[in-house]
Amino acid sequence: MNTIAKAKGLLVEPGKTWDGIAAEPMSLGGVFTSYVLPLAAIPSIGSAIGTFLAGNMPNVAELVISYVIALASVLIMGKIMPPLAARFGATPDAEAGMKLAAFAPTGAWLGGLALIVPSMGGFLALIGALYTLYLFYDGAQRLFPVAQVKARMLGFSAVLASILLNMLIGLMVGILAS
C-alpha cells in the first residue's frame, strides 16, 4: 500500500487498513521517510498558507518547531507503546509500536490541511485530531493482539499516553518559549 492509499484507508476503512499495516513488514526509516515526514508537514504548511491568505506573514520558526515536535512525538510514542502493550499481555513489539505511532496521527495531519481556511480551519483540524485518538484506540488493539477483555484497556491506554505525551511536549515548549 502506498502513502496515499494508507492515509485514505485510515480515514475511510481504518480496521481493514490497520490489518494491512499490521501484516506489512516495515522499517522505521522507510515509514518515516515515506509517510511521517510528508504528512507531518501538512499542518505547518496549511497554517502558513492560511496565515498568508489572512493577510499576515507566517512565523516560520514556529512552523518549523511545530513540525519537529510532530516528528519527535512519533519517535517517542513508538518507544512508549511496546512496554505499555506488554503490561496488558501483548508481546512488546517495537515494529508494531512504530507503526502505531507513525500511522495513528494521520487524522490530525490531514485535518491540518483545513488550516488553509482561517475562519473554520481550526475547528476542522480539531475534528482530525479527535479522529487521531480513535486511530490510536483502534490501531493499538489491532497491532498488539491481546485478550479481548484487555484490548479495550490497551486502546484507551494508547489514547491516554498520546494525550499526555502531547501535553508534556506542549508544556516543555511553552516553558522554553517564555
Foldseek 3Di string as FASTA:
>chain_A
DAQVCLLVCCVPPVLVSLLVLLPDDDDLVVLCVRHQLVLLLQLLVLLQLLCVVVPHGDDVVVSVVSSVLLVVLLVVQLVPLLVLLVVQPFHSDSRLSSSLSRRLLSLLSVLSNLSNNVPCSVVSSVVSRVSSLVSQLSSQCNNTPHPPVSSNVSSVVSSVVSVVSVVVVVVVVVVVVD
